Amino acid sequence: MPTPIPEPLLAQLCQFLENKMGLAFPARRWPELDRKITLLAQKSTCKDAPAYCDWLFSNALSKSQIEELARQLTIGETYFYRDRKSYHVLEQYVLPVIIESRRNQGKYLRIWSAGCASGEEPYTIAIILRQLIPDIAEWNIHILATDINPDFLEKARKGIYTQWSFRDVPESFQTKYFEEIGKNKYRILPGICDMVHFEYLNLAEDIYPSLTNNTNAMDIIFCRNVMIYFSQNLIGRIAQKFFHSLVEQGYLIVSPVEVSQTLAQTYETVRFQNVTLYRRNPNAAKNKVAIGKEARPIYPAFIHPQPLAKPTQVTVIPEAIQPVISEPAKKIPDREKLVVPEDKFYQDALVAYEQGNYHAAESVLKEIISAKKHHLPAIILLTKVNANLGRLDEALQLCREALEIDKLDPMLHYLQATILAELGDQPASIAALKKTIYLDPDFVLAHFYLGNVNLQLRQTSNARRYFQNALAILSKRAPEEILLASEGMTAGRLKEIIETNQ
């Protein structure tokens, strides 16, 4: 009979899994955790489950070992149009307003399915967009789908499903968007499949928002039936990172069982009938907005939006960088009266940026650039601010201005490439990335990004070559080394991501 895991050891295991993978197992789920760890122990060389736990704690786990834990401990059970009420709100209230507002503003839309499992959710979103946007070929649509389980991602990329995934949709949905390829096997049509980009991402450990993994400036983030596995502390951290990953007035959509006070304290709560969504509105974070009991095709408050109040800004104090932003920014003194080095103000802007207070950072950076037109670090940071706020055209223009100052800076060409990719100009993005590598052959993120762009273009042999180049460069770096232009990603982490995606 298998040896049960003692409760003190289970408690230690729960803390380990939360720190490493963000997974939470409350005491009521300890029997389930015991069973799953026992199965893993039986596949290992350990004599029993307690010995397997001791082995986990005392070893630096490889990518494949973490993946095996993810396979056993995460659940990917989902289906098309799961939780129809949320999709109804998306179709009838949220997307029509965003789509209408973007028709004269670049025709772009960015949505992230975080914890996408086997792909039914992001493909459902893609189908809804096809139904709502008749001229979708003229739009730049980016649907990012991420998960920690590589098996789920592999299945999602293939887009092949059984009848079980269609259990809550009419037959017409299945016949219109899927082709039968065998007994009880249905593959999503290529036009829908190509709208979704699947990537490995660990919500507990990875960096977001970031231009590197394209998690910035999202209009909508879906994270449903994911946070129920997380601790309250981790939910709070993820909620903040999602907040900064959204454009202003962007939405976070969670499942009904995940509605929590933690989210309500961070976001503006918006109710559509009996569905609760969370909206990034830094000027009314705790306000609740409700529409009536009767469904209406358009949410009236969006038709004539009121001007937003002036955003909270960072206080610029010469003596110290303030860790908490709570007061309006003091204007930088006249140029001739400056007694503090200008880099001090740049550091204030950098702190605001890292806290996700993009408007505060923007205010200070504009003052710096006004004082010194060719302050390259300030221009670069302002470029990132604009990209994270969804102002991609402004970001690209700033990047070009920076390149006029220094045409030989590989980081500027890389930054330009990421913005061009978000704007949907893949050929120009590839050209900028190749310039980056020409100027700095060891710029590992440029090789990695080229791999991703080629994957999106289905140039798999090219993608594989660039990923191999990146791995060769990473093999010469210490795992804990922070990579240039990565916003904090280590060499070891990028290596894991590349190996998972191949």
Protein backbone atom coordinates (compact mmCIF):
# COMPACT_ATOMS: atom_id res chain seq x y z
CA MET A 1 0.00 0.00 0.00
CA PRO A 2 1.42 3.47 -0.88
CA THR A 3 2.94 5.42 2.00
CA PRO A 4 0.82 8.54 2.71
CA ILE A 5 2.52 11.91 2.90
CA PRO A 6 2.55 13.29 6.49
CA GLU A 7 0.67 16.55 6.94
CA PRO A 8 3.75 18.66 7.81
CA LEU A 9 5.40 17.42 4.62
CA LEU A 10 2.23 18.15 2.62
CA ALA A 11 2.23 21.69 3.98
CA GLN A 12 5.86 22.09 2.91
CA LEU A 13 5.00 20.65 -0.51
CA CYS A 14 2.15 23.13 -0.93
CA GLN A 15 4.48 26.03 -0.22
CA PHE A 16 7.02 24.62 -2.69
CA LEU A 17 4.39 24.30 -5.46
CA GLU A 18 3.08 27.80 -4.81
CA ASN A 19 6.56 29.32 -5.01
CA LYS A 20 7.62 27.33 -8.06
CA MET A 21 4.43 27.12 -10.13
CA GLY A 22 1.88 29.36 -8.44
CA LEU A 23 -0.39 26.40 -7.64
CA ALA A 24 -2.31 26.44 -4.36
CA PHE A 25 -3.61 23.33 -2.63
CA PRO A 26 -5.75 24.17 0.44
CA ALA A 27 -6.09 21.51 3.12
CA ARG A 28 -9.35 20.23 1.63
CA ARG A 29 -7.40 19.26 -1.54
CA TRP A 30 -4.55 17.53 0.26
CA PRO A 31 -5.94 14.03 -0.42
CA GLU A 32 -5.99 14.87 -4.16
CA LEU A 33 -2.43 16.21 -3.96
CA ASP A 34 -1.31 13.09 -2.08
CA ARG A 35 -2.74 10.86 -4.84
CA LYS A 36 -1.11 12.82 -7.64
CA ILE A 37 2.30 12.99 -5.98
CA THR A 38 2.09 9.25 -5.25
CA LEU A 39 1.58 8.60 -8.97
CA LEU A 40 4.61 10.73 -9.79
CA ALA A 41 6.65 8.92 -7.13
CA GLN A 42 5.78 5.58 -8.68
CA LYS A 43 7.19 6.76 -12.01
CA SER A 44 10.40 7.94 -10.37
CA THR A 45 13.28 6.13 -8.68
CA CYS A 46 12.07 7.21 -5.24
CA LYS A 47 10.77 4.51 -2.92
CA ASP A 48 7.59 6.36 -1.91
CA ALA A 49 5.78 9.72 -2.00
CA PRO A 50 7.53 11.23 1.07
CA ALA A 51 10.92 10.37 -0.44
CA TYR A 52 9.78 11.95 -3.72
CA CYS A 53 8.88 15.16 -1.84
CA ASP A 54 12.32 15.24 -0.22
CA TRP A 55 13.86 14.79 -3.67
CA LEU A 56 11.82 17.72 -5.05
CA PHE A 57 12.98 20.00 -2.26
CA SER A 58 16.66 19.13 -2.56
CA ASN A 59 17.11 19.34 -6.35
CA ALA A 60 17.07 22.11 -8.94
CA LEU A 61 14.29 20.85 -11.20
CA SER A 62 14.85 20.65 -14.93
CA LYS A 63 12.36 21.94 -17.48
CA SER A 64 11.07 18.43 -18.19
CA GLN A 65 10.56 17.73 -14.47
CA ILE A 66 8.58 20.94 -14.00
CA GLU A 67 6.53 20.04 -17.08
CA GLU A 68 5.76 16.63 -15.61
CA LEU A 69 4.54 18.28 -12.41
CA ALA A 70 2.37 20.61 -14.50
CA ARG A 71 0.91 17.66 -16.41
CA GLN A 72 -0.10 15.87 -13.23
CA LEU A 73 -1.27 18.84 -11.17
CA THR A 74 -3.13 21.05 -13.66
CA ILE A 75 -6.50 20.35 -15.24
CA GLY A 76 -7.19 21.19 -18.87
CA GLU A 77 -10.86 20.26 -19.01
CA THR A 78 -12.63 22.83 -21.15
CA TYR A 79 -14.89 23.16 -24.21
CA PHE A 80 -16.08 25.70 -26.75
CA TYR A 81 -18.26 28.52 -25.41
CA ARG A 82 -17.73 27.40 -21.82
CA ASP A 83 -19.63 29.85 -19.57
CA ARG A 84 -21.95 31.24 -22.24
CA LYS A 85 -22.95 34.25 -20.14
CA SER A 86 -19.44 35.68 -20.30
CA TYR A 87 -19.28 35.18 -24.05
CA HIS A 88 -22.70 36.80 -24.43
CA VAL A 89 -21.42 39.89 -22.60
CA LEU A 90 -18.31 39.87 -24.76
CA GLU A 91 -20.35 39.68 -27.99
CA GLN A 92 -23.14 42.08 -27.07
CA TYR A 93 -21.51 44.72 -24.88
CA VAL A 94 -17.72 44.74 -24.76
CA LEU A 95 -16.40 43.95 -28.24
CA PRO A 96 -18.89 46.02 -30.29
CA VAL A 97 -17.83 49.19 -28.47
CA ILE A 98 -14.11 48.49 -28.78
CA ILE A 99 -14.46 47.55 -32.45
CA GLU A 100 -16.44 50.71 -33.25
CA SER A 101 -13.92 52.92 -31.43
CA ARG A 102 -11.03 51.37 -33.37
CA ARG A 103 -12.49 51.64 -36.86
CA ASN A 104 -10.90 55.06 -37.28
CA GLN A 105 -7.93 54.40 -34.99
CA GLY A 106 -5.84 51.81 -36.76
CA LYS A 107 -8.20 48.80 -36.76
CA TYR A 108 -6.33 46.75 -34.19
CA LEU A 109 -7.34 44.56 -31.26
CA ARG A 110 -5.26 42.68 -28.66
CA ILE A 111 -6.64 39.87 -26.48
CA TRP A 112 -4.84 37.47 -24.12
CA SER A 113 -6.14 34.07 -23.02
CA ALA A 114 -4.02 33.34 -19.92
CA GLY A 115 -4.20 29.68 -18.96
CA CYS A 116 -5.63 28.64 -22.31
CA ALA A 117 -5.44 24.86 -21.67
CA SER A 118 -6.12 22.98 -24.93
CA GLY A 119 -7.18 26.08 -26.87
CA GLU A 120 -10.97 26.06 -26.93
CA GLU A 121 -11.19 29.48 -25.28
CA PRO A 122 -8.91 31.49 -27.62
CA TYR A 123 -10.40 29.78 -30.67
CA THR A 124 -13.89 30.70 -29.43
CA ILE A 125 -12.72 34.32 -29.14
CA ALA A 126 -11.31 34.19 -32.68
CA ILE A 127 -14.62 32.86 -34.03
CA ILE A 128 -16.58 35.58 -32.23
CA LEU A 129 -14.33 38.23 -33.79
CA ARG A 130 -14.92 36.69 -37.24
CA GLN A 131 -18.64 37.04 -36.66
CA LEU A 132 -18.46 40.63 -35.42
CA ILE A 133 -15.95 42.12 -37.89
CA PRO A 134 -16.98 41.68 -41.55
CA ASP A 135 -13.76 43.32 -42.82
CA ILE A 136 -11.50 41.41 -40.41
CA ALA A 137 -8.84 40.94 -43.12
CA GLU A 138 -8.16 44.69 -42.82
CA TRP A 139 -7.60 44.46 -39.06
CA ASN A 140 -4.49 43.74 -37.01
CA ILE A 141 -5.84 41.12 -34.59
CA HIS A 142 -3.52 39.65 -31.99
CA ILE A 143 -4.84 36.81 -29.81
CA LEU A 144 -2.18 35.54 -27.41
CA ALA A 145 -2.84 32.20 -25.68
CA THR A 146 -0.51 31.02 -22.91
CA ASP A 147 -0.26 28.07 -20.57
CA ILE A 148 2.25 26.33 -18.30
CA ASN A 149 1.43 22.84 -19.56
CA PRO A 150 3.32 21.99 -22.79
CA ASP A 151 0.94 19.11 -23.60
CA PHE A 152 -2.00 21.52 -23.64
CA LEU A 153 -0.09 23.92 -25.90
CA GLU A 154 0.82 21.15 -28.34
CA LYS A 155 -2.81 20.05 -28.61
CA ALA A 156 -3.99 23.64 -28.95
CA ARG A 157 -1.60 24.39 -31.80
CA LYS A 158 -2.85 21.34 -33.72
CA GLY A 159 -6.47 22.49 -33.28
CA ILE A 160 -7.93 18.97 -33.38
CA TYR A 161 -10.85 18.16 -31.09
CA THR A 162 -13.35 15.40 -30.35
CA GLN A 163 -17.10 15.68 -30.06
CA TRP A 164 -16.74 16.23 -26.30
CA SER A 165 -15.39 19.74 -26.92
CA PHE A 166 -18.61 20.67 -28.78
CA ARG A 167 -21.04 19.59 -26.10
CA ASP A 168 -22.47 23.08 -25.52
CA VAL A 169 -22.62 24.45 -29.08
CA PRO A 170 -25.08 23.96 -31.94
CA GLU A 171 -24.13 21.62 -34.76
CA SER A 172 -23.90 24.57 -37.17
CA PHE A 173 -20.97 25.97 -35.17
CA GLN A 174 -19.05 22.74 -35.61
CA THR A 175 -19.76 22.36 -39.33
CA LYS A 176 -19.01 26.01 -40.14
CA TYR A 177 -15.63 26.35 -38.42
CA PHE A 178 -14.23 22.79 -38.35
CA GLU A 179 -13.48 20.05 -40.83
CA GLU A 180 -13.89 16.36 -40.03
CA ILE A 181 -10.56 14.57 -40.50
CA GLY A 182 -11.39 11.15 -39.02
CA LYS A 183 -13.65 9.29 -36.67
CA ASN A 184 -14.58 11.75 -33.91
CA LYS A 185 -11.77 14.12 -34.99
CA TYR A 186 -12.44 17.69 -36.05
CA ARG A 187 -9.80 20.27 -37.01
CA ILE A 188 -10.36 24.00 -36.80
CA LEU A 189 -10.15 25.82 -40.11
CA PRO A 190 -6.75 27.39 -40.92
CA GLY A 191 -8.15 30.93 -41.07
CA ILE A 192 -9.25 30.66 -37.43
CA CYS A 193 -6.15 28.77 -36.31
CA ASP A 194 -3.84 31.43 -37.71
CA MET A 195 -5.47 34.13 -35.58
CA VAL A 196 -4.13 32.64 -32.33
CA HIS A 197 -0.51 32.57 -31.15
CA PHE A 198 0.22 29.96 -28.46
CA GLU A 199 3.14 30.52 -26.09
CA TYR A 200 4.49 29.00 -22.90
CA LEU A 201 4.15 31.34 -19.90
CA ASN A 202 4.21 30.77 -16.14
CA LEU A 203 1.91 33.32 -14.49
CA ALA A 204 3.72 32.85 -11.17
CA GLU A 205 7.30 33.35 -12.38
CA ASP A 206 7.45 35.05 -15.77
CA ILE A 207 7.60 38.77 -16.52
CA TYR A 208 4.57 40.65 -17.83
CA PRO A 209 3.69 43.11 -19.21
CA SER A 210 6.64 42.96 -21.58
CA LEU A 211 7.31 43.76 -25.21
CA THR A 212 9.45 40.63 -25.36
CA ASN A 213 6.56 38.19 -24.82
CA ASN A 214 3.90 40.53 -26.31
CA THR A 215 1.90 40.73 -23.08
CA ASN A 216 1.57 44.53 -23.11
CA ALA A 217 -1.28 46.84 -24.14
CA MET A 218 -4.04 44.23 -24.03
CA ASP A 219 -7.64 45.25 -24.60
CA ILE A 220 -9.02 42.15 -22.88
CA ILE A 221 -7.43 39.47 -20.71
CA PHE A 222 -9.24 36.18 -20.13
CA CYS A 223 -8.04 34.28 -17.07
CA ARG A 224 -10.88 31.92 -16.27
CA ASN A 225 -10.74 28.86 -14.03
CA VAL A 226 -7.04 29.50 -13.46
CA MET A 227 -6.77 31.62 -10.31
CA ILE A 228 -8.87 29.15 -8.34
CA TYR A 229 -5.64 27.15 -8.03
CA PHE A 230 -3.64 30.12 -6.71
CA SER A 231 -3.12 31.52 -3.21
CA GLN A 232 -4.56 34.93 -2.32
CA ASN A 233 -1.08 36.48 -2.24
CA LEU A 234 -0.34 35.23 -5.73
CA ILE A 235 -3.76 36.32 -7.00
CA GLY A 236 -2.96 39.81 -5.77
CA ARG A 237 0.38 39.87 -7.59
CA ILE A 238 -1.11 38.49 -10.81
CA ALA A 239 -4.01 40.94 -10.64
CA GLN A 240 -1.55 43.83 -10.45
CA LYS A 241 0.51 42.51 -13.37
CA PHE A 242 -2.63 42.00 -15.44
CA PHE A 243 -3.69 45.55 -14.54
CA HIS A 244 -0.46 46.92 -15.99
CA SER A 245 -0.80 44.63 -19.04
CA LEU A 246 -4.14 46.22 -19.96
CA VAL A 247 -4.75 49.47 -21.80
CA GLU A 248 -6.85 51.96 -19.90
CA GLN A 249 -10.48 50.82 -19.85
CA GLY A 250 -9.27 47.32 -20.76
CA TYR A 251 -11.10 44.33 -19.26
CA LEU A 252 -10.08 41.36 -17.14
CA ILE A 253 -12.56 38.49 -17.47
CA VAL A 254 -12.52 35.72 -14.87
CA SER A 255 -14.95 32.90 -14.10
CA PRO A 256 -17.81 33.51 -11.63
CA VAL A 257 -16.12 31.42 -8.93
CA GLU A 258 -13.03 33.64 -9.13
CA VAL A 259 -14.81 36.92 -8.33
CA SER A 260 -12.96 38.18 -5.28
CA GLN A 261 -12.35 41.20 -3.08
CA THR A 262 -8.73 41.18 -4.22
CA LEU A 263 -9.80 41.99 -7.79
CA ALA A 264 -12.46 44.47 -6.67
CA GLN A 265 -9.82 46.46 -4.78
CA THR A 266 -7.61 46.76 -7.86
CA TYR A 267 -10.11 47.22 -10.69
CA GLU A 268 -13.31 49.02 -11.40
CA THR A 269 -16.08 46.46 -11.10
CA VAL A 270 -18.48 46.45 -14.05
CA ARG A 271 -21.70 44.44 -14.01
CA PHE A 272 -23.59 43.42 -17.13
CA GLN A 273 -26.79 41.81 -15.87
CA ASN A 274 -25.44 39.01 -13.64
CA VAL A 275 -21.93 38.88 -15.10
CA THR A 276 -19.08 40.71 -13.34
CA LEU A 277 -16.09 42.02 -15.29
CA TYR A 278 -13.09 44.00 -14.08
CA ARG A 279 -11.92 47.11 -15.89
CA ARG A 280 -8.65 49.01 -15.66
CA ASN A 281 -9.67 52.50 -14.62
CA PRO A 282 -7.08 54.04 -12.28
CA ASN A 283 -9.37 56.99 -11.60
CA ALA A 284 -12.30 54.96 -10.29
CA ALA A 285 -10.76 51.71 -9.07
CA LYS A 286 -13.49 50.88 -6.57
CA ASN A 287 -16.55 52.20 -8.38
CA LYS A 288 -19.20 49.73 -9.40
CA VAL A 289 -21.11 50.22 -12.64
CA ALA A 290 -24.31 48.30 -13.29
CA ILE A 291 -26.65 48.11 -16.24
CA GLY A 292 -30.27 47.18 -15.87
CA LYS A 293 -31.77 43.73 -15.73
CA GLU A 294 -32.83 43.89 -19.36
CA ALA A 295 -30.17 43.15 -21.96
CA ARG A 296 -29.33 46.01 -24.30
CA PRO A 297 -27.15 45.80 -27.40
CA ILE A 298 -24.74 48.60 -26.42
CA TYR A 299 -23.54 49.71 -23.00
CA PRO A 300 -24.63 53.37 -22.94
CA ALA A 301 -21.78 54.67 -20.78
CA PHE A 302 -19.38 53.91 -23.59
CA ILE A 303 -21.17 55.84 -26.33
CA HIS A 304 -20.12 59.29 -25.09
CA PRO A 305 -17.25 58.62 -22.70
CA GLN A 306 -16.56 61.35 -20.17
CA PRO A 307 -13.04 62.82 -20.05
CA LEU A 308 -10.91 61.00 -17.54
CA ALA A 309 -9.56 62.85 -14.57
CA LYS A 310 -5.87 63.71 -14.67
CA PRO A 311 -3.95 60.53 -13.77
CA THR A 312 -2.09 60.21 -10.50
CA GLN A 313 1.54 61.09 -11.05
CA VAL A 314 4.85 60.42 -9.37
CA THR A 315 6.26 63.04 -7.03
CA VAL A 316 9.72 64.15 -8.07
CA ILE A 317 11.70 64.86 -4.90
CA PRO A 318 15.45 65.40 -5.20
CA GLU A 319 16.36 63.65 -1.95
CA ALA A 320 14.91 60.22 -2.66
CA ILE A 321 12.93 58.13 -5.09
CA GLN A 322 9.49 57.61 -3.64
CA PRO A 323 8.43 53.90 -3.50
CA VAL A 324 4.74 54.75 -3.34
CA ILE A 325 3.02 57.04 -5.82
CA SER A 326 0.28 59.07 -4.22
CA GLU A 327 0.66 62.78 -5.08
CA PRO A 328 0.63 64.82 -8.30
CA ALA A 329 4.07 65.22 -9.82
CA LYS A 330 6.02 68.38 -9.14
CA LYS A 331 7.16 69.97 -12.32
CA ILE A 332 10.86 69.71 -12.99
CA PRO A 333 12.45 73.15 -12.34
CA ASP A 334 13.45 75.40 -15.20
CA ARG A 335 16.48 74.09 -17.03
CA GLU A 336 18.79 76.86 -15.85
CA LYS A 337 17.79 76.22 -12.22
CA LEU A 338 18.43 72.47 -12.20
CA VAL A 339 20.82 71.57 -9.43
CA VAL A 340 20.10 67.83 -9.39
CA PRO A 341 21.62 65.69 -12.18
CA GLU A 342 19.02 64.98 -14.86
CA ASP A 343 19.55 61.22 -14.40
CA LYS A 344 17.83 61.57 -11.02
CA PHE A 345 14.63 62.53 -12.80
CA TYR A 346 15.09 59.67 -15.23
CA GLN A 347 15.35 57.29 -12.27
CA ASP A 348 12.06 58.69 -10.93
CA ALA A 349 10.47 57.99 -14.30
CA LEU A 350 11.95 54.50 -14.35
CA VAL A 351 10.52 53.75 -10.91
CA ALA A 352 7.08 54.94 -12.05
CA TYR A 353 7.35 52.80 -15.19
CA GLU A 354 8.32 49.71 -13.22
CA GLN A 355 5.36 50.29 -10.90
CA GLY A 356 3.07 50.42 -13.92
CA ASN A 357 2.28 54.10 -13.44
CA TYR A 358 2.81 54.93 -17.09
CA HIS A 359 1.22 58.39 -17.03
CA ALA A 360 3.47 59.46 -14.18
CA ALA A 361 6.51 58.19 -16.06
CA GLU A 362 5.33 59.92 -19.23
CA SER A 363 5.00 63.27 -17.46
CA VAL A 364 8.55 63.18 -16.11
CA LEU A 365 10.07 61.85 -19.35
CA LYS A 366 8.50 64.61 -21.43
CA GLU A 367 10.01 67.16 -19.05
CA ILE A 368 13.43 65.53 -19.43
CA ILE A 369 13.20 65.47 -23.23
CA SER A 370 12.02 69.07 -23.22
CA ALA A 371 15.18 69.96 -21.26
CA LYS A 372 17.47 67.79 -23.37
CA LYS A 373 16.10 66.84 -26.77
CA HIS A 374 18.57 64.01 -27.39
CA HIS A 375 18.30 62.28 -23.99
CA LEU A 376 18.33 58.77 -25.47
CA PRO A 377 17.41 56.76 -22.32
CA ALA A 378 14.38 59.00 -21.78
CA ILE A 379 13.26 58.62 -25.40
CA ILE A 380 13.62 54.83 -25.18
CA LEU A 381 11.65 54.64 -21.94
CA LEU A 382 8.95 56.95 -23.34
CA THR A 383 8.75 54.62 -26.35
CA LYS A 384 8.05 51.70 -23.99
CA VAL A 385 5.49 53.77 -22.07
CA ASN A 386 3.58 54.49 -25.28
CA ALA A 387 3.76 50.84 -26.33
CA ASN A 388 2.35 49.71 -22.98
CA LEU A 389 -0.44 52.26 -23.26
CA GLY A 390 -1.33 50.88 -26.69
CA ARG A 391 -0.12 53.94 -28.59
CA LEU A 392 1.88 51.94 -31.08
CA ASP A 393 2.13 54.61 -33.78
CA GLU A 394 3.52 57.11 -31.27
CA ALA A 395 5.89 54.47 -29.94
CA LEU A 396 7.18 53.73 -33.44
CA GLN A 397 7.71 57.43 -34.18
CA LEU A 398 9.70 57.88 -30.96
CA CYS A 399 11.76 54.83 -31.78
CA ARG A 400 12.59 56.29 -35.19
CA GLU A 401 13.59 59.57 -33.56
CA ALA A 402 15.92 57.65 -31.26
CA LEU A 403 17.45 55.86 -34.26
CA GLU A 404 18.16 59.25 -35.83
CA ILE A 405 20.28 59.95 -32.76
CA ASP A 406 22.07 56.61 -32.80
CA LYS A 407 21.61 54.38 -35.85
CA LEU A 408 24.10 51.82 -34.53
CA ASP A 409 22.35 50.95 -31.27
CA PRO A 410 21.16 47.31 -31.60
CA MET A 411 18.70 47.70 -28.74
CA LEU A 412 16.86 50.46 -30.64
CA HIS A 413 16.51 48.26 -33.71
CA TYR A 414 15.22 45.45 -31.46
CA LEU A 415 12.70 47.77 -29.82
CA GLN A 416 11.56 48.95 -33.24
CA ALA A 417 11.15 45.32 -34.33
CA THR A 418 8.87 44.47 -31.40
CA ILE A 419 6.65 47.47 -32.11
CA LEU A 420 6.48 46.69 -35.83
CA ALA A 421 5.46 43.12 -34.99
CA GLU A 422 2.65 44.40 -32.76
CA LEU A 423 1.52 46.64 -35.62
CA GLY A 424 1.33 43.54 -37.82
CA ASP A 425 4.21 44.49 -40.13
CA GLN A 426 6.11 41.21 -39.94
CA PRO A 427 8.48 41.83 -42.91
CA ALA A 428 9.64 45.16 -41.45
CA SER A 429 9.97 43.55 -38.03
CA ILE A 430 12.18 40.79 -39.46
CA ALA A 431 14.35 43.39 -41.23
CA ALA A 432 14.83 45.33 -37.97
CA LEU A 433 15.70 42.15 -36.09
CA LYS A 434 18.30 41.23 -38.71
CA LYS A 435 19.84 44.70 -38.30
CA THR A 436 19.96 44.05 -34.56
CA ILE A 437 21.86 40.82 -35.07
CA TYR A 438 24.17 42.43 -37.64
CA LEU A 439 25.12 45.07 -35.07
CA ASP A 440 25.31 42.58 -32.19
CA PRO A 441 25.45 38.89 -33.20
CA ASP A 442 25.02 37.84 -29.55
CA PHE A 443 21.79 39.82 -28.99
CA VAL A 444 19.96 36.71 -27.86
CA LEU A 445 16.46 38.20 -27.66
CA ALA A 446 16.65 39.19 -31.33
CA HIS A 447 17.33 35.55 -32.29
CA PHE A 448 14.48 34.44 -30.01
CA TYR A 449 12.05 37.01 -31.44
CA LEU A 450 12.99 36.05 -35.00
CA GLY A 451 12.17 32.46 -34.07
CA ASN A 452 8.73 33.52 -32.84
CA VAL A 453 7.98 35.69 -35.88
CA ASN A 454 8.95 32.86 -38.23
CA LEU A 455 6.76 30.46 -36.25
CA GLN A 456 3.81 32.81 -36.75
CA LEU A 457 4.57 32.84 -40.47
CA ARG A 458 4.79 29.02 -40.40
CA GLN A 459 8.44 29.16 -41.48
CA THR A 460 9.32 26.33 -39.10
CA SER A 461 12.81 25.58 -40.42
CA ASN A 462 13.81 29.25 -40.10
CA ALA A 463 12.24 29.41 -36.64
CA ARG A 464 14.16 26.34 -35.54
CA ARG A 465 17.42 27.83 -36.79
CA TYR A 466 16.95 31.07 -34.85
CA PHE A 467 15.94 29.21 -31.69
CA GLN A 468 19.08 27.07 -31.98
CA ASN A 469 21.16 30.23 -32.40
CA ALA A 470 19.59 31.63 -29.24
CA LEU A 471 20.29 28.43 -27.30
CA ALA A 472 23.92 28.45 -28.45
CA ILE A 473 24.34 32.00 -27.12
CA LEU A 474 22.55 31.16 -23.88
CA SER A 475 24.84 28.18 -23.29
CA LYS A 476 27.65 30.71 -22.72
CA ARG A 477 25.65 32.74 -20.17
CA ALA A 478 25.14 32.10 -16.47
CA PRO A 479 21.52 30.99 -15.82
CA GLU A 480 20.94 33.91 -13.45
CA GLU A 481 22.24 36.58 -15.87
CA ILE A 482 19.65 39.23 -16.73
CA LEU A 483 19.38 39.59 -20.51
CA LEU A 484 19.68 42.89 -22.33
CA ALA A 485 16.30 44.51 -23.19
CA SER A 486 14.43 41.68 -21.40
CA GLU A 487 12.95 43.75 -18.56
CA GLY A 488 14.30 41.25 -16.05
CA MET A 489 14.27 37.85 -17.79
CA THR A 490 17.21 35.59 -16.95
CA ALA A 491 19.22 33.50 -19.40
CA GLY A 492 18.05 30.34 -17.66
CA ARG A 493 14.39 31.28 -17.97
CA LEU A 494 14.66 32.10 -21.68
CA LYS A 495 16.41 28.79 -22.26
CA GLU A 496 13.49 26.96 -20.61
CA ILE A 497 10.95 28.86 -22.71
CA ILE A 498 12.75 28.11 -25.99
CA GLU A 499 13.13 24.41 -25.16
CA THR A 500 9.44 24.20 -24.27
CA ASN A 501 8.34 25.86 -27.52
CA GLN A 502 10.43 23.60 -29.78
